[in-house]
Amino acid sequence: MAHSAEVLAEIRRIASEELQLERAVEASDELIQDLQLDSLGLTILAVGLEDRFRIKLTEEDSARVCTVEDLAALVAVRASQAQR
């Protein structure tokens, strides 16, 4: 089962390796304001998490997620549901 800490580590990896973010990603960071992710960056992040944890994220999910912590918690819940 995926835990928020594991998901957070994967978000940090994607941000660093695939999005080439120069700064450390904190759980409290807002995806758009603090990390300055545009629609392409958000898509890359979502697809990376979907592939890694074998889940599906929806448009409705994106409306509810503002921070890295929100995203990590959502992915952890989806991953645990997918394993049932």
N, C-alpha and C. Protein backbone atom coordinates (compact mmCIF):
# COMPACT_ATOMS: atom_id res chain seq x y z
N MET A 1 0.84 -1.19 0.00
CA MET A 1 0.00 0.00 0.00
C MET A 1 0.88 1.25 0.00
N ALA A 2 0.50 2.21 -0.82
CA ALA A 2 1.26 3.46 -0.89
C ALA A 2 0.90 4.35 0.29
N HIS A 3 1.91 4.92 0.89
CA HIS A 3 1.70 5.87 1.97
C HIS A 3 2.04 7.26 1.47
N SER A 4 1.52 8.26 2.15
CA SER A 4 1.76 9.64 1.73
C SER A 4 3.25 9.95 1.60
N ALA A 5 4.07 9.40 2.50
CA ALA A 5 5.51 9.66 2.44
C ALA A 5 6.12 9.09 1.17
N GLU A 6 5.67 7.90 0.77
CA GLU A 6 6.17 7.28 -0.46
C GLU A 6 5.72 8.11 -1.68
N VAL A 7 4.48 8.56 -1.64
CA VAL A 7 3.95 9.38 -2.74
C VAL A 7 4.70 10.70 -2.79
N LEU A 8 4.95 11.31 -1.64
CA LEU A 8 5.69 12.57 -1.59
C LEU A 8 7.09 12.41 -2.19
N ALA A 9 7.73 11.31 -1.89
CA ALA A 9 9.06 11.03 -2.47
C ALA A 9 8.98 10.94 -3.99
N GLU A 10 7.92 10.31 -4.50
CA GLU A 10 7.75 10.20 -5.95
C GLU A 10 7.44 11.56 -6.57
N ILE A 11 6.65 12.38 -5.91
CA ILE A 11 6.37 13.74 -6.40
C ILE A 11 7.68 14.52 -6.49
N ARG A 12 8.51 14.40 -5.46
CA ARG A 12 9.81 15.10 -5.47
C ARG A 12 10.70 14.59 -6.61
N ARG A 13 10.69 13.28 -6.85
CA ARG A 13 11.50 12.72 -7.94
C ARG A 13 11.04 13.25 -9.29
N ILE A 14 9.74 13.23 -9.52
CA ILE A 14 9.20 13.72 -10.80
C ILE A 14 9.51 15.21 -10.96
N ALA A 15 9.33 15.98 -9.90
CA ALA A 15 9.60 17.42 -9.96
C ALA A 15 11.06 17.70 -10.32
N SER A 16 11.95 16.93 -9.74
CA SER A 16 13.37 17.13 -9.99
C SER A 16 13.81 16.59 -11.34
N GLU A 17 13.47 15.33 -11.63
CA GLU A 17 13.98 14.67 -12.83
C GLU A 17 13.22 15.02 -14.10
N GLU A 18 11.92 15.07 -14.03
CA GLU A 18 11.12 15.27 -15.23
C GLU A 18 10.74 16.73 -15.47
N LEU A 19 10.52 17.46 -14.39
CA LEU A 19 10.12 18.87 -14.54
C LEU A 19 11.31 19.82 -14.34
N GLN A 20 12.47 19.27 -13.99
CA GLN A 20 13.69 20.05 -13.76
C GLN A 20 13.49 21.23 -12.81
N LEU A 21 12.72 21.00 -11.75
CA LEU A 21 12.57 22.05 -10.74
C LEU A 21 13.88 22.17 -9.99
N GLU A 22 14.31 23.39 -9.79
CA GLU A 22 15.59 23.65 -9.15
C GLU A 22 15.50 23.69 -7.62
N ARG A 23 14.29 23.79 -7.09
CA ARG A 23 14.12 23.95 -5.65
C ARG A 23 13.60 22.67 -5.02
N ALA A 24 13.78 22.57 -3.71
CA ALA A 24 13.24 21.44 -2.97
C ALA A 24 11.72 21.58 -2.90
N VAL A 25 11.04 20.45 -3.03
CA VAL A 25 9.58 20.44 -2.97
C VAL A 25 9.15 20.08 -1.56
N GLU A 26 8.36 20.96 -0.95
CA GLU A 26 7.86 20.74 0.39
C GLU A 26 6.39 20.35 0.34
N ALA A 27 5.93 19.62 1.34
CA ALA A 27 4.53 19.17 1.38
C ALA A 27 3.57 20.34 1.36
N SER A 28 3.96 21.46 1.95
CA SER A 28 3.07 22.62 2.04
C SER A 28 3.05 23.47 0.77
N ASP A 29 3.92 23.16 -0.19
CA ASP A 29 3.97 23.94 -1.43
C ASP A 29 2.67 23.83 -2.23
N GLU A 30 2.22 24.97 -2.75
CA GLU A 30 1.08 24.95 -3.66
C GLU A 30 1.61 24.63 -5.06
N LEU A 31 0.91 23.75 -5.75
CA LEU A 31 1.38 23.28 -7.04
C LEU A 31 1.53 24.40 -8.07
N ILE A 32 0.56 25.30 -8.09
CA ILE A 32 0.59 26.36 -9.11
C ILE A 32 1.35 27.58 -8.62
N GLN A 33 1.04 28.07 -7.42
CA GLN A 33 1.68 29.29 -6.94
C GLN A 33 3.14 29.10 -6.57
N ASP A 34 3.44 28.10 -5.74
CA ASP A 34 4.81 27.93 -5.25
C ASP A 34 5.72 27.21 -6.25
N LEU A 35 5.21 26.14 -6.84
CA LEU A 35 6.03 25.37 -7.79
C LEU A 35 5.91 25.91 -9.20
N GLN A 36 4.95 26.80 -9.43
CA GLN A 36 4.72 27.43 -10.72
C GLN A 36 4.54 26.42 -11.84
N LEU A 37 3.76 25.37 -11.55
CA LEU A 37 3.46 24.37 -12.58
C LEU A 37 2.34 24.88 -13.48
N ASP A 38 2.55 24.73 -14.78
CA ASP A 38 1.49 25.08 -15.74
C ASP A 38 0.72 23.80 -16.07
N SER A 39 -0.18 23.87 -17.02
CA SER A 39 -1.01 22.69 -17.33
C SER A 39 -0.15 21.51 -17.79
N LEU A 40 0.91 21.77 -18.55
CA LEU A 40 1.79 20.69 -18.99
C LEU A 40 2.51 20.07 -17.80
N GLY A 41 3.03 20.90 -16.91
CA GLY A 41 3.72 20.40 -15.73
C GLY A 41 2.81 19.57 -14.84
N LEU A 42 1.58 20.05 -14.66
CA LEU A 42 0.61 19.30 -13.85
C LEU A 42 0.28 17.96 -14.50
N THR A 43 0.17 17.96 -15.83
CA THR A 43 -0.12 16.71 -16.56
C THR A 43 1.03 15.73 -16.41
N ILE A 44 2.25 16.19 -16.56
CA ILE A 44 3.43 15.32 -16.42
C ILE A 44 3.46 14.72 -15.01
N LEU A 45 3.18 15.54 -14.02
CA LEU A 45 3.15 15.07 -12.63
C LEU A 45 2.05 14.03 -12.44
N ALA A 46 0.86 14.32 -12.94
CA ALA A 46 -0.27 13.39 -12.79
C ALA A 46 -0.01 12.07 -13.49
N VAL A 47 0.49 12.11 -14.71
CA VAL A 47 0.76 10.89 -15.47
C VAL A 47 1.86 10.07 -14.79
N GLY A 48 2.87 10.73 -14.29
CA GLY A 48 3.94 10.03 -13.58
C GLY A 48 3.41 9.30 -12.35
N LEU A 49 2.54 9.96 -11.61
CA LEU A 49 1.96 9.33 -10.42
C LEU A 49 0.99 8.21 -10.79
N GLU A 50 0.22 8.41 -11.85
CA GLU A 50 -0.69 7.36 -12.31
C GLU A 50 0.09 6.11 -12.71
N ASP A 51 1.17 6.31 -13.44
CA ASP A 51 2.00 5.17 -13.89
C ASP A 51 2.66 4.46 -12.71
N ARG A 52 3.21 5.23 -11.80
CA ARG A 52 3.94 4.65 -10.67
C ARG A 52 3.04 3.88 -9.72
N PHE A 53 1.85 4.45 -9.45
CA PHE A 53 0.98 3.84 -8.44
C PHE A 53 -0.22 3.09 -9.05
N ARG A 54 -0.26 3.04 -10.38
CA ARG A 54 -1.32 2.33 -11.11
C ARG A 54 -2.73 2.77 -10.68
N ILE A 55 -2.92 4.10 -10.77
CA ILE A 55 -4.20 4.71 -10.42
C ILE A 55 -4.65 5.60 -11.57
N LYS A 56 -5.84 6.17 -11.44
CA LYS A 56 -6.34 7.15 -12.41
C LYS A 56 -6.77 8.40 -11.65
N LEU A 57 -6.29 9.54 -12.08
CA LEU A 57 -6.68 10.82 -11.51
C LEU A 57 -7.62 11.50 -12.49
N THR A 58 -8.64 12.18 -11.98
CA THR A 58 -9.65 12.79 -12.83
C THR A 58 -9.58 14.31 -12.80
N GLU A 59 -10.34 14.94 -13.69
CA GLU A 59 -10.45 16.40 -13.71
C GLU A 59 -10.99 16.91 -12.37
N GLU A 60 -11.96 16.17 -11.80
CA GLU A 60 -12.53 16.56 -10.52
C GLU A 60 -11.47 16.55 -9.42
N ASP A 61 -10.56 15.58 -9.50
CA ASP A 61 -9.47 15.52 -8.52
C ASP A 61 -8.63 16.78 -8.58
N SER A 62 -8.33 17.22 -9.79
CA SER A 62 -7.46 18.38 -9.93
C SER A 62 -8.09 19.64 -9.34
N ALA A 63 -9.41 19.70 -9.33
CA ALA A 63 -10.09 20.87 -8.75
C ALA A 63 -9.97 20.89 -7.23
N ARG A 64 -9.79 19.71 -6.63
CA ARG A 64 -9.72 19.62 -5.16
C ARG A 64 -8.30 19.69 -4.61
N VAL A 65 -7.32 19.58 -5.45
CA VAL A 65 -5.93 19.51 -5.01
C VAL A 65 -5.23 20.84 -5.23
N CYS A 66 -4.70 21.38 -4.15
CA CYS A 66 -3.97 22.66 -4.24
C CYS A 66 -2.50 22.51 -3.88
N THR A 67 -2.21 21.70 -2.85
CA THR A 67 -0.84 21.58 -2.36
C THR A 67 -0.26 20.21 -2.68
N VAL A 68 1.03 20.12 -2.53
CA VAL A 68 1.72 18.84 -2.70
C VAL A 68 1.15 17.82 -1.71
N GLU A 69 0.90 18.27 -0.49
CA GLU A 69 0.34 17.39 0.54
C GLU A 69 -1.05 16.86 0.14
N ASP A 70 -1.89 17.73 -0.43
CA ASP A 70 -3.21 17.31 -0.91
C ASP A 70 -3.06 16.21 -1.96
N LEU A 71 -2.15 16.43 -2.90
CA LEU A 71 -1.93 15.48 -3.98
C LEU A 71 -1.42 14.15 -3.44
N ALA A 72 -0.45 14.21 -2.52
CA ALA A 72 0.11 12.98 -1.94
C ALA A 72 -0.97 12.18 -1.21
N ALA A 73 -1.82 12.87 -0.46
CA ALA A 73 -2.88 12.18 0.28
C ALA A 73 -3.88 11.54 -0.69
N LEU A 74 -4.26 12.26 -1.74
CA LEU A 74 -5.21 11.72 -2.72
C LEU A 74 -4.65 10.48 -3.41
N VAL A 75 -3.40 10.56 -3.84
CA VAL A 75 -2.78 9.42 -4.53
C VAL A 75 -2.67 8.23 -3.58
N ALA A 76 -2.32 8.46 -2.33
CA ALA A 76 -2.22 7.37 -1.35
C ALA A 76 -3.57 6.68 -1.17
N VAL A 77 -4.64 7.46 -1.08
CA VAL A 77 -5.98 6.88 -0.93
C VAL A 77 -6.36 6.08 -2.19
N ARG A 78 -6.13 6.67 -3.36
CA ARG A 78 -6.46 5.97 -4.61
C ARG A 78 -5.66 4.67 -4.74
N ALA A 79 -4.40 4.71 -4.37
CA ALA A 79 -3.55 3.51 -4.48
C ALA A 79 -4.03 2.43 -3.55
N SER A 80 -4.46 2.80 -2.34
CA SER A 80 -4.94 1.79 -1.40
C SER A 80 -6.27 1.22 -1.87
N GLN A 81 -7.12 2.05 -2.49
CA GLN A 81 -8.40 1.55 -3.03
C GLN A 81 -8.16 0.60 -4.21
N ALA A 82 -7.16 0.91 -5.03
CA ALA A 82 -6.87 0.09 -6.21
C ALA A 82 -6.36 -1.29 -5.84
N GLN A 83 -5.78 -1.42 -4.66
CA GLN A 83 -5.20 -2.70 -4.25
C GLN A 83 -6.23 -3.63 -3.63
N ARG A 84 -7.45 -3.14 -3.44
CA ARG A 84 -8.49 -3.97 -2.83
C ARG A 84 -9.10 -4.90 -3.85
